[in-house]
Amino acid sequence: MYLMDLIVSVAKIKSRDLIVLMINTLVIILFYYLLFDDSEIIYPLMLSIFIISIYFVIEVIKYKNFKEKLLDSKRSPDYSNSDLTYMEEEVLSVVMALHKEYISDITVLKRQISDRDTLFSQWIHNMKTSITVIDLACEKNILNGEENKCITDIQEENKILKKNLEECLNILRLDDFSRDYITNSINLKEVINSVVNLKKRDFIYKGVFPKVSIDENIYVYTDKKWATYMIEQVINNSIKYSKEKNGDIVEISAKEHEEYVELIIKDYGVGIKEEDLPRLFESFYTGNNGRNERSSTGIGLYMVKLISERLGHDINLESVYGEGTVFTIKFNINKIFDNK
């Protein structure tokens, strides 16, 4: 296939030369036809075909060498300039100059992004310190019997602010993902139970109950911290968009297959409109449901999608508006995924 592509490319590039050679062959054949017997046509025809074939083979080899040099120049501006025509040398010189210029620009850009991320990270940590102080002040007022609606509202807003800042930090960490994850074989039920316990107050507040049906012997290969974050985001959405205080449940189950395990998180909440489904994993897209929920940022599912791709997990979401949503995460059992 590669050889055929080379032949076609050379035929297109050298089409004028080949046409000239064929015209020349026809003229020679015509000349022999007019001056000699018909049998004499075979000799000039075979000779012309041989010459054209040799010329074409040489051009294919030269073009192949040029493509290899061009490919090398994409990876590195340093290349050997032997066996190059003047035109090829000019092309590769331009490529080399552009390569060095872009490397310089990319280096500057990476440094600027790194400085910006460091600044934002420091700023977020400073904000979290202020949040902690506010939370302690609210708790102190409550312990002193000074609880009132204003203090409760401040506490709730403080929690939302803390959650948003944590999401910002996670986005910043994604750029350095390869140094921030360790894949191990982990017990899936333990991870689910830890997330359910973490979200216990949210379940109680919403009047929704978790129903976990996962075998204790199911192990999956993933990064525990990031997998916990993914599952927490999905369960948080299931709680958030469940119907108000009517005894709804969030079913969390797992199906074992030969090479992977499917984690299924199903709720019977408000569901998602069909027009929102294709864009749910886009950053900052909240959809129709999110517009009615002030705490929605459009970051959660976007992060879930990114993290799942980095860890090599497949995700799927199905929903019927007014009936509920089923979210599936496919974990590999024993394969190590390389960060892409």
C-alpha atoms as a PDB file:
ATOM      1  CA  MET A   1       0.000   0.000   0.000  1.00  0.00           C
ATOM      2  CA  TYR A   2       2.866   2.351   0.862  1.00  0.00           C
ATOM      3  CA  LEU A   3       4.618   1.537  -2.449  1.00  0.00           C
ATOM      4  CA  MET A   4       1.416   2.149  -4.391  1.00  0.00           C
ATOM      5  CA  ASP A   5       0.998   5.524  -2.680  1.00  0.00           C
ATOM      6  CA  LEU A   6       4.570   6.440  -3.664  1.00  0.00           C
ATOM      7  CA  ILE A   7       3.988   5.430  -7.285  1.00  0.00           C
ATOM      8  CA  VAL A   8       0.757   7.415  -7.508  1.00  0.00           C
ATOM      9  CA  SER A   9       2.373  10.467  -5.891  1.00  0.00           C
ATOM     10  CA  VAL A  10       5.375  10.389  -8.262  1.00  0.00           C
ATOM     11  CA  ALA A  11       3.076   9.875 -11.239  1.00  0.00           C
ATOM     12  CA  LYS A  12       1.184  13.032 -10.259  1.00  0.00           C
ATOM     13  CA  ILE A  13       4.322  15.066  -9.554  1.00  0.00           C
ATOM     14  CA  LYS A  14       6.140  13.949 -12.728  1.00  0.00           C
ATOM     15  CA  SER A  15       3.060  13.830 -14.944  1.00  0.00           C
ATOM     16  CA  ARG A  16       4.439  16.497 -17.318  1.00  0.00           C
ATOM     17  CA  ASP A  17       7.765  14.692 -17.713  1.00  0.00           C
ATOM     18  CA  LEU A  18       5.993  11.389 -18.358  1.00  0.00           C
ATOM     19  CA  ILE A  19       3.714  12.993 -20.950  1.00  0.00           C
ATOM     20  CA  VAL A  20       6.751  14.475 -22.729  1.00  0.00           C
ATOM     21  CA  LEU A  21       8.504  11.087 -22.712  1.00  0.00           C
ATOM     22  CA  MET A  22       5.421   9.343 -24.078  1.00  0.00           C
ATOM     23  CA  ILE A  23       5.046  11.947 -26.822  1.00  0.00           C
ATOM     24  CA  ASN A  24       8.709  11.461 -27.649  1.00  0.00           C
ATOM     25  CA  THR A  25       8.134   7.706 -27.841  1.00  0.00           C
ATOM     26  CA  LEU A  26       5.190   8.178 -30.203  1.00  0.00           C
ATOM     27  CA  VAL A  27       7.260  10.454 -32.441  1.00  0.00           C
ATOM     28  CA  ILE A  28      10.080   7.890 -32.601  1.00  0.00           C
ATOM     29  CA  ILE A  29       7.613   5.091 -33.339  1.00  0.00           C
ATOM     30  CA  LEU A  30       6.004   7.203 -36.058  1.00  0.00           C
ATOM     31  CA  PHE A  31       9.459   7.958 -37.505  1.00  0.00           C
ATOM     32  CA  TYR A  32      10.353   4.261 -37.635  1.00  0.00           C
ATOM     33  CA  TYR A  33       6.948   3.388 -39.028  1.00  0.00           C
ATOM     34  CA  LEU A  34       7.381   5.785 -41.920  1.00  0.00           C
ATOM     35  CA  LEU A  35      10.976   4.909 -42.746  1.00  0.00           C
ATOM     36  CA  PHE A  36      11.202   1.177 -41.968  1.00  0.00           C
ATOM     37  CA  ASP A  37       9.113  -1.952 -41.972  1.00  0.00           C
ATOM     38  CA  ASP A  38       6.378  -2.506 -39.330  1.00  0.00           C
ATOM     39  CA  SER A  39       8.585  -4.943 -37.449  1.00  0.00           C
ATOM     40  CA  GLU A  40      11.025  -2.164 -36.659  1.00  0.00           C
ATOM     41  CA  ILE A  41       8.421  -0.491 -34.370  1.00  0.00           C
ATOM     42  CA  ILE A  42       8.995  -3.061 -31.594  1.00  0.00           C
ATOM     43  CA  TYR A  43      12.597  -2.057 -30.975  1.00  0.00           C
ATOM     44  CA  PRO A  44      12.020   1.692 -30.355  1.00  0.00           C
ATOM     45  CA  LEU A  45       8.895   0.891 -28.334  1.00  0.00           C
ATOM     46  CA  MET A  46      10.715  -1.508 -26.016  1.00  0.00           C
ATOM     47  CA  LEU A  47      13.674   0.851 -25.707  1.00  0.00           C
ATOM     48  CA  SER A  48      11.415   3.789 -24.801  1.00  0.00           C
ATOM     49  CA  ILE A  49       9.479   1.739 -22.258  1.00  0.00           C
ATOM     50  CA  PHE A  50      12.760   0.622 -20.675  1.00  0.00           C
ATOM     51  CA  ILE A  51      14.072   4.204 -20.458  1.00  0.00           C
ATOM     52  CA  ILE A  52      10.783   5.527 -19.033  1.00  0.00           C
ATOM     53  CA  SER A  53      10.687   2.684 -16.477  1.00  0.00           C
ATOM     54  CA  ILE A  54      14.269   3.377 -15.343  1.00  0.00           C
ATOM     55  CA  TYR A  55      13.483   7.080 -15.068  1.00  0.00           C
ATOM     56  CA  PHE A  56      10.299   6.392 -13.094  1.00  0.00           C
ATOM     57  CA  VAL A  57      12.034   3.976 -10.672  1.00  0.00           C
ATOM     58  CA  ILE A  58      14.773   6.530 -10.011  1.00  0.00           C
ATOM     59  CA  GLU A  59      12.186   9.247  -9.329  1.00  0.00           C
ATOM     60  CA  VAL A  60      10.264   6.948  -6.966  1.00  0.00           C
ATOM     61  CA  ILE A  61      13.441   6.213  -4.997  1.00  0.00           C
ATOM     62  CA  LYS A  62      14.368   9.912  -4.863  1.00  0.00           C
ATOM     63  CA  TYR A  63      10.847  10.843  -3.733  1.00  0.00           C
ATOM     64  CA  LYS A  64      10.908   8.124  -1.053  1.00  0.00           C
ATOM     65  CA  ASN A  65      14.207   9.484   0.296  1.00  0.00           C
ATOM     66  CA  PHE A  66      12.835  13.016   0.280  1.00  0.00           C
ATOM     67  CA  LYS A  67       9.718  11.950   2.200  1.00  0.00           C
ATOM     68  CA  GLU A  68      11.888  10.244   4.808  1.00  0.00           C
ATOM     69  CA  LYS A  69      13.954  13.418   5.206  1.00  0.00           C
ATOM     70  CA  LEU A  70      10.760  15.441   5.449  1.00  0.00           C
ATOM     71  CA  LEU A  71       9.422  13.104   8.136  1.00  0.00           C
ATOM     72  CA  ASP A  72      12.687  13.400  10.072  1.00  0.00           C
ATOM     73  CA  SER A  73      12.522  17.180   9.847  1.00  0.00           C
ATOM     74  CA  LYS A  74       9.091  17.105  11.514  1.00  0.00           C
ATOM     75  CA  ARG A  75      10.612  15.403  14.540  1.00  0.00           C
ATOM     76  CA  SER A  76      13.872  17.314  14.599  1.00  0.00           C
ATOM     77  CA  PRO A  77      15.233  20.324  12.713  1.00  0.00           C
ATOM     78  CA  ASP A  78      18.588  18.543  12.284  1.00  0.00           C
ATOM     79  CA  TYR A  79      18.801  16.367   9.221  1.00  0.00           C
ATOM     80  CA  SER A  80      21.391  15.093   6.768  1.00  0.00           C
ATOM     81  CA  ASN A  81      21.400  17.157   3.584  1.00  0.00           C
ATOM     82  CA  SER A  82      23.177  14.605   1.429  1.00  0.00           C
ATOM     83  CA  ASP A  83      21.575  13.331  -1.784  1.00  0.00           C
ATOM     84  CA  LEU A  84      19.149  16.241  -1.977  1.00  0.00           C
ATOM     85  CA  THR A  85      18.355  18.377  -4.961  1.00  0.00           C
ATOM     86  CA  TYR A  86      18.509  22.137  -4.715  1.00  0.00           C
ATOM     87  CA  MET A  87      14.700  22.390  -4.510  1.00  0.00           C
ATOM     88  CA  GLU A  88      14.470  19.724  -1.800  1.00  0.00           C
ATOM     89  CA  GLU A  89      17.197  21.478   0.168  1.00  0.00           C
ATOM     90  CA  GLU A  90      15.236  24.733  -0.019  1.00  0.00           C
ATOM     91  CA  VAL A  91      12.043  23.033   1.222  1.00  0.00           C
ATOM     92  CA  LEU A  92      13.803  21.368   4.154  1.00  0.00           C
ATOM     93  CA  SER A  93      15.574  24.605   5.060  1.00  0.00           C
ATOM     94  CA  VAL A  94      12.209  26.349   5.368  1.00  0.00           C
ATOM     95  CA  VAL A  95      10.864  23.435   7.432  1.00  0.00           C
ATOM     96  CA  MET A  96      13.912  23.631   9.702  1.00  0.00           C
ATOM     97  CA  ALA A  97      13.462  27.374  10.235  1.00  0.00           C
ATOM     98  CA  LEU A  98       9.742  26.960  11.001  1.00  0.00           C
ATOM     99  CA  HIS A  99      10.486  24.032  13.319  1.00  0.00           C
ATOM    100  CA  LYS A 100      12.960  26.036  15.383  1.00  0.00           C
ATOM    101  CA  GLU A 101      10.618  29.022  15.506  1.00  0.00           C
ATOM    102  CA  TYR A 102       7.691  26.921  16.706  1.00  0.00           C
ATOM    103  CA  ILE A 103       9.827  25.138  19.294  1.00  0.00           C
ATOM    104  CA  SER A 104      10.863  28.522  20.665  1.00  0.00           C
ATOM    105  CA  ASP A 105       7.254  29.759  20.724  1.00  0.00           C
ATOM    106  CA  ILE A 106       6.003  26.548  22.361  1.00  0.00           C
ATOM    107  CA  THR A 107       8.710  26.740  25.036  1.00  0.00           C
ATOM    108  CA  VAL A 108       7.703  30.314  25.869  1.00  0.00           C
ATOM    109  CA  LEU A 109       4.017  29.369  25.861  1.00  0.00           C
ATOM    110  CA  LYS A 110       4.570  26.375  28.166  1.00  0.00           C
ATOM    111  CA  ARG A 111       6.504  28.553  30.608  1.00  0.00           C
ATOM    112  CA  GLN A 112       3.731  31.164  30.599  1.00  0.00           C
ATOM    113  CA  ILE A 113       1.067  28.489  31.178  1.00  0.00           C
ATOM    114  CA  SER A 114       3.122  26.931  33.977  1.00  0.00           C
ATOM    115  CA  ASP A 115       3.533  30.323  35.664  1.00  0.00           C
ATOM    116  CA  ARG A 116      -0.172  31.030  35.308  1.00  0.00           C
ATOM    117  CA  ASP A 117      -1.172  27.634  36.714  1.00  0.00           C
ATOM    118  CA  THR A 118       1.190  28.099  39.655  1.00  0.00           C
ATOM    119  CA  LEU A 119      -0.349  31.501  40.338  1.00  0.00           C
ATOM    120  CA  PHE A 120      -3.896  30.178  40.118  1.00  0.00           C
ATOM    121  CA  SER A 121      -3.050  27.181  42.293  1.00  0.00           C
ATOM    122  CA  GLN A 122      -1.580  29.417  44.986  1.00  0.00           C
ATOM    123  CA  TRP A 123      -4.570  31.744  44.764  1.00  0.00           C
ATOM    124  CA  ILE A 124      -7.002  28.841  45.121  1.00  0.00           C
ATOM    125  CA  HIS A 125      -5.159  27.499  48.169  1.00  0.00           C
ATOM    126  CA  ASN A 126      -5.301  30.967  49.740  1.00  0.00           C
ATOM    127  CA  MET A 127      -9.040  31.066  49.059  1.00  0.00           C
ATOM    128  CA  LYS A 128      -9.459  27.650  50.685  1.00  0.00           C
ATOM    129  CA  THR A 129      -7.762  28.990  53.808  1.00  0.00           C
ATOM    130  CA  SER A 130     -10.352  31.777  53.962  1.00  0.00           C
ATOM    131  CA  ILE A 131     -13.130  29.236  53.449  1.00  0.00           C
ATOM    132  CA  THR A 132     -11.824  27.167  56.359  1.00  0.00           C
ATOM    133  CA  VAL A 133     -11.807  30.240  58.593  1.00  0.00           C
ATOM    134  CA  ILE A 134     -15.392  31.107  57.584  1.00  0.00           C
ATOM    135  CA  ASP A 135     -16.506  27.534  58.244  1.00  0.00           C
ATOM    136  CA  LEU A 136     -14.871  27.524  61.696  1.00  0.00           C
ATOM    137  CA  ALA A 137     -16.535  30.846  62.543  1.00  0.00           C
ATOM    138  CA  CYS A 138     -19.934  29.451  61.551  1.00  0.00           C
ATOM    139  CA  GLU A 139     -19.375  26.286  63.584  1.00  0.00           C
ATOM    140  CA  LYS A 140     -18.338  28.385  66.583  1.00  0.00           C
ATOM    141  CA  ASN A 141     -21.535  30.448  66.380  1.00  0.00           C
ATOM    142  CA  ILE A 142     -23.612  27.263  66.128  1.00  0.00           C
ATOM    143  CA  LEU A 143     -21.847  25.707  69.154  1.00  0.00           C
ATOM    144  CA  ASN A 144     -22.470  28.904  71.135  1.00  0.00           C
ATOM    145  CA  GLY A 145     -26.179  28.610  70.408  1.00  0.00           C
ATOM    146  CA  GLU A 146     -26.157  31.568  68.007  1.00  0.00           C
ATOM    147  CA  GLU A 147     -27.377  29.641  64.985  1.00  0.00           C
ATOM    148  CA  ASN A 148     -29.656  31.590  62.661  1.00  0.00           C
ATOM    149  CA  LYS A 149     -30.705  31.541  59.035  1.00  0.00           C
ATOM    150  CA  CYS A 150     -27.907  33.897  57.965  1.00  0.00           C
ATOM    151  CA  ILE A 151     -25.237  31.643  59.462  1.00  0.00           C
ATOM    152  CA  THR A 152     -26.807  28.595  57.800  1.00  0.00           C
ATOM    153  CA  ASP A 153     -26.894  30.381  54.432  1.00  0.00           C
ATOM    154  CA  ILE A 154     -23.258  31.434  54.798  1.00  0.00           C
ATOM    155  CA  GLN A 155     -22.293  27.848  55.580  1.00  0.00           C
ATOM    156  CA  GLU A 156     -24.130  26.506  52.539  1.00  0.00           C
ATOM    157  CA  GLU A 157     -22.591  29.114  50.228  1.00  0.00           C
ATOM    158  CA  ASN A 158     -19.201  28.347  51.733  1.00  0.00           C
ATOM    159  CA  LYS A 159     -19.619  24.674  50.819  1.00  0.00           C
ATOM    160  CA  ILE A 160     -20.497  25.570  47.224  1.00  0.00           C
ATOM    161  CA  LEU A 161     -17.472  27.859  47.021  1.00  0.00           C
ATOM    162  CA  LYS A 162     -15.211  25.128  48.406  1.00  0.00           C
ATOM    163  CA  LYS A 163     -16.582  22.607  45.892  1.00  0.00           C
ATOM    164  CA  ASN A 164     -15.985  24.993  42.975  1.00  0.00           C
ATOM    165  CA  LEU A 165     -12.418  25.690  44.082  1.00  0.00           C
ATOM    166  CA  GLU A 166     -11.719  21.951  44.347  1.00  0.00           C
ATOM    167  CA  GLU A 167     -12.953  21.536  40.770  1.00  0.00           C
ATOM    168  CA  CYS A 168     -10.601  24.308  39.654  1.00  0.00           C
ATOM    169  CA  LEU A 169      -7.673  22.543  41.321  1.00  0.00           C
ATOM    170  CA  ASN A 170      -8.589  19.265  39.638  1.00  0.00           C
ATOM    171  CA  ILE A 171      -8.649  20.949  36.235  1.00  0.00           C
ATOM    172  CA  LEU A 172      -5.176  22.352  36.868  1.00  0.00           C
ATOM    173  CA  ARG A 173      -3.939  18.914  37.947  1.00  0.00           C
ATOM    174  CA  LEU A 174      -5.157  17.341  34.705  1.00  0.00           C
ATOM    175  CA  ASP A 175      -2.356  19.063  32.762  1.00  0.00           C
ATOM    176  CA  ASP A 176       0.102  17.118  34.897  1.00  0.00           C
ATOM    177  CA  PHE A 177      -1.986  13.953  34.997  1.00  0.00           C
ATOM    178  CA  SER A 178       0.831  11.537  34.135  1.00  0.00           C
ATOM    179  CA  ARG A 179       2.592  12.393  37.421  1.00  0.00           C
ATOM    180  CA  ASP A 180      -0.573  12.360  39.505  1.00  0.00           C
ATOM    181  CA  TYR A 181      -2.001   8.881  39.061  1.00  0.00           C
ATOM    182  CA  ILE A 182      -1.053   5.354  40.088  1.00  0.00           C
ATOM    183  CA  THR A 183      -2.981   2.387  38.687  1.00  0.00           C
ATOM    184  CA  ASN A 184      -3.594  -0.506  41.052  1.00  0.00           C
ATOM    185  CA  SER A 185      -6.037  -3.316  41.536  1.00  0.00           C
ATOM    186  CA  ILE A 186      -8.682  -1.924  43.893  1.00  0.00           C
ATOM    187  CA  ASN A 187     -11.830  -3.309  45.485  1.00  0.00           C
ATOM    188  CA  LEU A 188     -14.783  -1.704  43.714  1.00  0.00           C
ATOM    189  CA  LYS A 189     -17.239  -2.092  46.574  1.00  0.00           C
ATOM    190  CA  GLU A 190     -14.872  -0.376  49.018  1.00  0.00           C
ATOM    191  CA  VAL A 191     -14.593   2.621  46.696  1.00  0.00           C
ATOM    192  CA  ILE A 192     -18.373   2.797  46.283  1.00  0.00           C
ATOM    193  CA  ASN A 193     -18.969   2.562  50.034  1.00  0.00           C
ATOM    194  CA  SER A 194     -16.455   5.342  50.697  1.00  0.00           C
ATOM    195  CA  VAL A 195     -18.222   7.609  48.199  1.00  0.00           C
ATOM    196  CA  VAL A 196     -21.664   6.755  49.577  1.00  0.00           C
ATOM    197  CA  ASN A 197     -20.482   7.546  53.125  1.00  0.00           C
ATOM    198  CA  LEU A 198     -18.980  10.802  51.884  1.00  0.00           C
ATOM    199  CA  LYS A 199     -22.305  11.766  50.309  1.00  0.00           C
ATOM    200  CA  LYS A 200     -24.420  10.524  53.235  1.00  0.00           C
ATOM    201  CA  ARG A 201     -25.650  13.997  54.228  1.00  0.00           C
ATOM    202  CA  ASP A 202     -26.598  14.757  50.615  1.00  0.00           C
ATOM    203  CA  PHE A 203     -28.608  11.529  50.399  1.00  0.00           C
ATOM    204  CA  ILE A 204     -30.426  12.339  53.641  1.00  0.00           C
ATOM    205  CA  TYR A 205     -31.061  15.962  52.711  1.00  0.00           C
ATOM    206  CA  LYS A 206     -32.536  15.019  49.330  1.00  0.00           C
ATOM    207  CA  GLY A 207     -34.547  12.103  50.733  1.00  0.00           C
ATOM    208  CA  VAL A 208     -32.819   9.653  48.377  1.00  0.00           C
ATOM    209  CA  PHE A 209     -31.418   6.294  49.430  1.00  0.00           C
ATOM    210  CA  PRO A 210     -28.466   4.392  47.932  1.00  0.00           C
ATOM    211  CA  LYS A 211     -28.904   0.738  47.027  1.00  0.00           C
ATOM    212  CA  VAL A 212     -25.500  -0.886  46.550  1.00  0.00           C
ATOM    213  CA  SER A 213     -25.433  -4.352  44.930  1.00  0.00           C
ATOM    214  CA  ILE A 214     -21.781  -5.118  44.295  1.00  0.00           C
ATOM    215  CA  ASP A 215     -19.929  -8.319  45.068  1.00  0.00           C
ATOM    216  CA  GLU A 216     -17.161  -7.878  47.628  1.00  0.00           C
ATOM    217  CA  ASN A 217     -14.725  -9.844  45.457  1.00  0.00           C
ATOM    218  CA  ILE A 218     -14.848  -7.567  42.423  1.00  0.00           C
ATOM    219  CA  TYR A 219     -11.536  -5.827  41.757  1.00  0.00           C
ATOM    220  CA  VAL A 220     -10.784  -3.353  38.976  1.00  0.00           C
ATOM    221  CA  TYR A 221      -7.593  -1.795  37.692  1.00  0.00           C
ATOM    222  CA  THR A 222      -7.584   1.995  38.030  1.00  0.00           C
ATOM    223  CA  ASP A 223      -6.282   4.924  40.046  1.00  0.00           C
ATOM    224  CA  LYS A 224      -8.160   4.978  43.351  1.00  0.00           C
ATOM    225  CA  LYS A 225      -8.135   8.748  43.859  1.00  0.00           C
ATOM    226  CA  TRP A 226      -9.314   9.676  40.366  1.00  0.00           C
ATOM    227  CA  ALA A 227     -11.792   6.780  40.155  1.00  0.00           C
ATOM    228  CA  THR A 228     -13.279   7.928  43.474  1.00  0.00           C
ATOM    229  CA  TYR A 229     -13.566  11.447  42.086  1.00  0.00           C
ATOM    230  CA  MET A 230     -15.330  10.182  38.924  1.00  0.00           C
ATOM    231  CA  ILE A 231     -17.810   8.066  40.874  1.00  0.00           C
ATOM    232  CA  GLU A 232     -18.441  10.899  43.326  1.00  0.00           C
ATOM    233  CA  GLN A 233     -19.321  13.257  40.465  1.00  0.00           C
ATOM    234  CA  VAL A 234     -21.755  10.772  38.934  1.00  0.00           C
ATOM    235  CA  ILE A 235     -23.437   9.936  42.268  1.00  0.00           C
ATOM    236  CA  ASN A 236     -23.603  13.635  43.100  1.00  0.00           C
ATOM    237  CA  ASN A 237     -25.532  14.217  39.857  1.00  0.00           C
ATOM    238  CA  SER A 238     -27.834  11.288  40.622  1.00  0.00           C
ATOM    239  CA  ILE A 239     -28.660  12.809  44.011  1.00  0.00           C
ATOM    240  CA  LYS A 240     -28.951  16.358  42.718  1.00  0.00           C
ATOM    241  CA  TYR A 241     -31.408  15.493  39.952  1.00  0.00           C
ATOM    242  CA  SER A 242     -33.481  12.944  41.869  1.00  0.00           C
ATOM    243  CA  LYS A 243     -37.074  13.905  42.526  1.00  0.00           C
ATOM    244  CA  GLU A 244     -37.672  15.839  45.726  1.00  0.00           C
ATOM    245  CA  LYS A 245     -38.033  13.792  48.924  1.00  0.00           C
ATOM    246  CA  ASN A 246     -40.227  10.975  47.643  1.00  0.00           C
ATOM    247  CA  GLY A 247     -38.172   7.984  48.750  1.00  0.00           C
ATOM    248  CA  ASP A 248     -36.326   7.588  45.446  1.00  0.00           C
ATOM    249  CA  ILE A 249     -33.316   5.313  45.297  1.00  0.00           C
ATOM    250  CA  VAL A 250     -29.992   5.419  43.471  1.00  0.00           C
ATOM    251  CA  GLU A 251     -29.071   1.898  42.373  1.00  0.00           C
ATOM    252  CA  ILE A 252     -25.346   1.131  42.217  1.00  0.00           C
ATOM    253  CA  SER A 253     -24.460  -2.261  40.783  1.00  0.00           C
ATOM    254  CA  ALA A 254     -21.696  -3.997  38.852  1.00  0.00           C
ATOM    255  CA  LYS A 255     -21.591  -6.572  36.073  1.00  0.00           C
ATOM    256  CA  GLU A 256     -18.574  -8.804  35.606  1.00  0.00           C
ATOM    257  CA  HIS A 257     -17.424  -9.688  32.097  1.00  0.00           C
ATOM    258  CA  GLU A 258     -14.438 -11.674  30.902  1.00  0.00           C
ATOM    259  CA  GLU A 259     -12.048  -8.711  30.578  1.00  0.00           C
ATOM    260  CA  TYR A 260     -13.856  -5.826  32.225  1.00  0.00           C
ATOM    261  CA  VAL A 261     -16.355  -4.779  34.881  1.00  0.00           C
ATOM    262  CA  GLU A 262     -19.261  -2.441  34.284  1.00  0.00           C
ATOM    263  CA  LEU A 263     -20.207  -0.120  37.138  1.00  0.00           C
ATOM    264  CA  ILE A 264     -23.831   0.942  36.700  1.00  0.00           C
ATOM    265  CA  ILE A 265     -25.266   3.942  38.555  1.00  0.00           C
ATOM    266  CA  LYS A 266     -29.006   4.315  37.979  1.00  0.00           C
ATOM    267  CA  ASP A 267     -31.366   6.934  39.316  1.00  0.00           C
ATOM    268  CA  TYR A 268     -35.089   7.520  38.893  1.00  0.00           C
ATOM    269  CA  GLY A 269     -34.899  11.282  38.835  1.00  0.00           C
ATOM    270  CA  VAL A 270     -35.888  13.994  36.396  1.00  0.00           C
ATOM    271  CA  GLY A 271     -33.859  12.526  33.540  1.00  0.00           C
ATOM    272  CA  ILE A 272     -32.206  14.444  30.719  1.00  0.00           C
ATOM    273  CA  LYS A 273     -33.825  15.897  27.637  1.00  0.00           C
ATOM    274  CA  GLU A 274     -32.817  14.279  24.368  1.00  0.00           C
ATOM    275  CA  GLU A 275     -31.352  17.483  22.910  1.00  0.00           C
ATOM    276  CA  ASP A 276     -28.965  17.778  25.890  1.00  0.00           C
ATOM    277  CA  LEU A 277     -27.486  14.269  25.644  1.00  0.00           C
ATOM    278  CA  PRO A 278     -24.892  14.897  22.874  1.00  0.00           C
ATOM    279  CA  ARG A 279     -23.360  17.850  24.761  1.00  0.00           C
ATOM    280  CA  LEU A 280     -23.369  16.619  28.359  1.00  0.00           C
ATOM    281  CA  PHE A 281     -19.613  16.011  28.440  1.00  0.00           C
ATOM    282  CA  GLU A 282     -18.710  19.440  27.075  1.00  0.00           C
ATOM    283  CA  SER A 283     -17.056  21.855  29.473  1.00  0.00           C
ATOM    284  CA  PHE A 284     -19.384  24.350  31.192  1.00  0.00           C
ATOM    285  CA  TYR A 285     -22.477  22.878  29.524  1.00  0.00           C
ATOM    286  CA  THR A 286     -25.222  22.583  32.138  1.00  0.00           C
ATOM    287  CA  GLY A 287     -28.228  21.806  29.935  1.00  0.00           C
ATOM    288  CA  ASN A 288     -31.861  22.422  30.776  1.00  0.00           C
ATOM    289  CA  ASN A 289     -31.600  20.770  34.198  1.00  0.00           C
ATOM    290  CA  GLY A 290     -28.516  22.757  35.144  1.00  0.00           C
ATOM    291  CA  ARG A 291     -30.252  26.050  34.474  1.00  0.00           C
ATOM    292  CA  ASN A 292     -32.694  25.192  37.248  1.00  0.00           C
ATOM    293  CA  GLU A 293     -29.923  24.135  39.649  1.00  0.00           C
ATOM    294  CA  ARG A 294     -27.735  27.059  40.748  1.00  0.00           C
ATOM    295  CA  SER A 295     -24.898  24.836  41.975  1.00  0.00           C
ATOM    296  CA  SER A 296     -24.372  23.336  38.511  1.00  0.00           C
ATOM    297  CA  THR A 297     -21.124  24.393  36.855  1.00  0.00           C
ATOM    298  CA  GLY A 298     -20.922  22.107  33.821  1.00  0.00           C
ATOM    299  CA  ILE A 299     -17.505  20.890  34.987  1.00  0.00           C
ATOM    300  CA  GLY A 300     -18.322  17.562  36.708  1.00  0.00           C
ATOM    301  CA  LEU A 301     -19.153  15.373  33.701  1.00  0.00           C
ATOM    302  CA  TYR A 302     -16.509  17.133  31.615  1.00  0.00           C
ATOM    303  CA  MET A 303     -13.923  16.079  34.205  1.00  0.00           C
ATOM    304  CA  VAL A 304     -15.342  12.554  34.318  1.00  0.00           C
ATOM    305  CA  LYS A 305     -14.936  12.263  30.545  1.00  0.00           C
ATOM    306  CA  LEU A 306     -11.350  13.554  30.586  1.00  0.00           C
ATOM    307  CA  ILE A 307     -10.262  11.364  33.495  1.00  0.00           C
ATOM    308  CA  SER A 308     -11.882   8.254  32.024  1.00  0.00           C
ATOM    309  CA  GLU A 309     -10.027   8.824  28.745  1.00  0.00           C
ATOM    310  CA  ARG A 310      -6.711   9.268  30.568  1.00  0.00           C
ATOM    311  CA  LEU A 311      -7.269   6.078  32.590  1.00  0.00           C
ATOM    312  CA  GLY A 312      -8.556   4.105  29.598  1.00  0.00           C
ATOM    313  CA  HIS A 313     -12.092   3.613  30.926  1.00  0.00           C
ATOM    314  CA  ASP A 314     -15.180   3.713  28.728  1.00  0.00           C
ATOM    315  CA  ILE A 315     -18.201   5.694  29.884  1.00  0.00           C
ATOM    316  CA  ASN A 316     -21.770   5.720  28.665  1.00  0.00           C
ATOM    317  CA  LEU A 317     -24.857   7.664  29.635  1.00  0.00           C
ATOM    318  CA  GLU A 318     -28.477   6.866  28.793  1.00  0.00           C
ATOM    319  CA  SER A 319     -31.467   8.843  29.974  1.00  0.00           C
ATOM    320  CA  VAL A 320     -35.191   9.237  29.462  1.00  0.00           C
ATOM    321  CA  TYR A 321     -36.607  12.602  30.420  1.00  0.00           C
ATOM    322  CA  GLY A 322     -38.931  12.275  33.413  1.00  0.00           C
ATOM    323  CA  GLU A 323     -37.887   8.680  34.135  1.00  0.00           C
ATOM    324  CA  GLY A 324     -34.221   8.719  35.133  1.00  0.00           C
ATOM    325  CA  THR A 325     -30.630   8.227  34.034  1.00  0.00           C
ATOM    326  CA  VAL A 326     -28.245   5.265  33.763  1.00  0.00           C
ATOM    327  CA  PHE A 327     -24.507   5.993  33.862  1.00  0.00           C
ATOM    328  CA  THR A 328     -22.042   3.207  33.072  1.00  0.00           C
ATOM    329  CA  ILE A 329     -18.278   3.139  33.668  1.00  0.00           C
ATOM    330  CA  LYS A 330     -16.348   0.231  32.152  1.00  0.00           C
ATOM    331  CA  PHE A 331     -13.272  -0.715  34.204  1.00  0.00           C
ATOM    332  CA  ASN A 332     -10.619  -3.122  32.966  1.00  0.00           C
ATOM    333  CA  ILE A 333      -9.866  -6.002  35.307  1.00  0.00           C
ATOM    334  CA  ASN A 334      -6.113  -6.416  34.946  1.00  0.00           C
ATOM    335  CA  LYS A 335      -4.696  -4.308  32.124  1.00  0.00           C
ATOM    336  CA  ILE A 336      -2.430  -1.355  32.770  1.00  0.00           C
ATOM    337  CA  PHE A 337      -3.506   1.677  30.784  1.00  0.00           C
ATOM    338  CA  ASP A 338      -0.890   4.070  29.477  1.00  0.00           C
ATOM    339  CA  ASN A 339      -1.583   7.765  29.841  1.00  0.00           C
ATOM    340  CA  LYS A 340      -2.197   9.356  26.446  1.00  0.00           C
END
